[in-house]
Amino acid sequence: MYIRESIHFNGKELALETGQIARQAGGAVLATHGDTHVLVTVVTEEAREDIGYFPLRVDYEERFYASGKIPGGFFKREGRPSDVAVLNCRMIDRPIRPLFPKGYKDEVQIIATILSAEPDCSPSVMAIL
């Protein structure tokens, strides 16, 4: 089922879409604000018996193509996450973690992928939405 909700924010349309992209994930939302597009997917797995904490993993993937840069030279692949990407992961994790019920032990992985980015719109804030 395709759902699209939008509002006007800061002179541009802010839209959240679900049901059309990443259907194999447990949940997926494409957030769009102007020319900035962020795909956030969530997958879960049953909890292990021996685990005593809530295993929430957040990945924030900044792709070079999102900002119009293509790596050249010797390193042509995406490298490890930058320090800014790690801080963005923490920024997404902190407000989401308290929303899960006490005692929830299923493994949850949230992946925020920046598909395209405008300089005047922060994709990390859109990933939290």
Protein backbone atom coordinates (compact mmCIF):
# COMPACT_ATOMS: atom_id res chain seq x y z
CA MET A 1 0.00 0.00 0.00
CA TYR A 2 1.47 3.31 -1.14
CA ILE A 3 1.12 6.28 1.22
CA ARG A 4 2.36 9.82 0.59
CA GLU A 5 2.04 12.72 3.00
CA SER A 6 3.43 16.19 2.35
CA ILE A 7 3.56 19.68 3.82
CA HIS A 8 5.20 22.93 2.77
CA PHE A 9 8.23 23.68 4.92
CA ASN A 10 10.77 26.45 4.44
CA GLY A 11 9.37 27.30 1.01
CA LYS A 12 9.63 23.74 -0.34
CA GLU A 13 7.55 20.60 -0.23
CA LEU A 14 8.53 18.10 2.46
CA ALA A 15 7.16 14.68 1.52
CA LEU A 16 7.28 11.29 3.22
CA GLU A 17 6.51 8.25 1.05
CA THR A 18 6.22 4.59 1.94
CA GLY A 19 5.09 1.39 0.24
CA GLN A 20 6.86 1.84 -3.08
CA ILE A 21 10.59 1.46 -2.37
CA ALA A 22 12.46 -1.27 -0.42
CA ARG A 23 9.49 -3.58 -0.01
CA GLN A 24 11.59 -6.42 1.44
CA ALA A 25 12.52 -4.29 4.46
CA GLY A 26 10.32 -4.30 7.54
CA GLY A 27 9.63 -0.62 6.90
CA ALA A 28 10.95 2.00 4.50
CA VAL A 29 10.36 5.73 4.10
CA LEU A 30 11.62 8.05 1.38
CA ALA A 31 11.88 11.59 2.76
CA THR A 32 12.09 14.37 0.16
CA HIS A 33 12.65 18.08 0.69
CA GLY A 34 13.42 19.95 -2.52
CA ASP A 35 16.23 18.02 -4.21
CA THR A 36 17.31 16.24 -1.01
CA HIS A 37 16.22 12.60 -0.86
CA VAL A 38 16.83 10.30 2.12
CA LEU A 39 15.83 6.62 2.17
CA VAL A 40 15.43 5.17 5.67
CA THR A 41 14.87 1.42 6.02
CA VAL A 42 14.27 -0.70 9.12
CA VAL A 43 14.72 -4.45 9.54
CA THR A 44 14.26 -6.58 12.65
CA GLU A 45 15.26 -10.05 13.74
CA GLU A 46 14.15 -12.25 16.62
CA ALA A 47 16.01 -11.76 19.88
CA ARG A 48 18.67 -14.21 21.01
CA GLU A 49 18.19 -15.93 24.35
CA ASP A 50 21.48 -14.83 25.89
CA ILE A 51 21.23 -11.11 25.17
CA GLY A 52 20.78 -8.66 28.03
CA TYR A 53 20.46 -5.37 26.14
CA PHE A 54 18.52 -3.80 23.27
CA PRO A 55 20.57 -4.27 20.07
CA LEU A 56 19.72 -1.16 18.03
CA ARG A 57 22.08 -0.43 15.16
CA VAL A 58 21.87 2.80 13.17
CA ASP A 59 23.84 3.30 9.95
CA TYR A 60 24.05 6.67 8.19
CA GLU A 61 25.40 6.22 4.68
CA GLU A 62 26.60 9.30 2.84
CA ARG A 63 27.22 8.35 -0.75
CA PHE A 64 29.60 10.40 -2.87
CA TYR A 65 27.09 10.54 -5.71
CA ALA A 66 24.57 12.26 -3.40
CA SER A 67 26.66 15.43 -3.47
CA GLY A 68 27.74 15.03 -7.09
CA LYS A 69 31.23 13.73 -6.33
CA ILE A 70 32.67 10.58 -7.87
CA PRO A 71 35.82 9.19 -6.22
CA GLY A 72 38.77 8.94 -8.56
CA GLY A 73 42.38 7.92 -8.41
CA PHE A 74 43.42 4.85 -6.44
CA PHE A 75 40.37 4.69 -4.13
CA LYS A 76 37.26 4.34 -6.27
CA ARG A 77 34.96 2.84 -3.62
CA GLU A 78 33.10 4.28 -0.71
CA GLY A 79 35.34 4.13 2.33
CA ARG A 80 34.52 3.64 5.97
CA PRO A 81 32.09 6.09 7.59
CA SER A 82 33.46 9.54 8.34
CA ASP A 83 33.42 11.05 11.83
CA VAL A 84 30.47 13.21 10.78
CA ALA A 85 28.56 10.09 9.65
CA VAL A 86 29.22 8.41 13.02
CA LEU A 87 27.94 11.50 14.84
CA ASN A 88 24.85 11.51 12.62
CA CYS A 89 24.25 7.84 13.56
CA ARG A 90 24.30 8.83 17.21
CA MET A 91 22.05 11.81 16.52
CA ILE A 92 19.48 9.45 14.97
CA ASP A 93 19.88 6.78 17.68
CA ARG A 94 19.36 9.00 20.73
CA PRO A 95 15.78 10.18 20.07
CA ILE A 96 14.64 6.80 18.68
CA ARG A 97 15.89 4.48 21.44
CA PRO A 98 13.40 5.62 24.15
CA LEU A 99 10.46 4.98 21.77
CA PHE A 100 10.90 1.21 22.07
CA PRO A 101 9.14 -0.51 24.99
CA LYS A 102 11.09 -1.54 28.10
CA GLY A 103 12.45 -5.07 27.77
CA TYR A 104 12.37 -5.08 23.95
CA LYS A 105 15.26 -7.32 22.87
CA ASP A 106 14.70 -7.95 19.13
CA GLU A 107 17.57 -6.83 16.93
CA VAL A 108 16.71 -3.64 15.04
CA GLN A 109 18.78 -2.12 12.25
CA ILE A 110 18.00 1.32 10.84
CA ILE A 111 19.81 2.41 7.68
CA ALA A 112 19.58 6.01 6.47
CA THR A 113 20.94 6.36 2.93
CA ILE A 114 21.40 9.83 1.45
CA LEU A 115 20.40 9.57 -2.22
CA SER A 116 20.83 13.24 -3.11
CA ALA A 117 21.60 16.35 -1.08
CA GLU A 118 21.14 20.09 -1.43
CA PRO A 119 23.49 22.41 0.45
CA ASP A 120 20.63 24.31 2.13
CA CYS A 121 18.81 21.23 3.49
CA SER A 122 20.34 18.96 6.13
CA PRO A 123 19.84 15.29 5.22
CA SER A 124 20.71 14.19 8.76
CA VAL A 125 17.66 16.01 10.13
CA MET A 126 15.49 14.40 7.45
CA ALA A 127 16.80 10.97 8.48
CA ILE A 128 15.37 11.49 11.97
CA LEU A 129 11.88 12.21 10.60
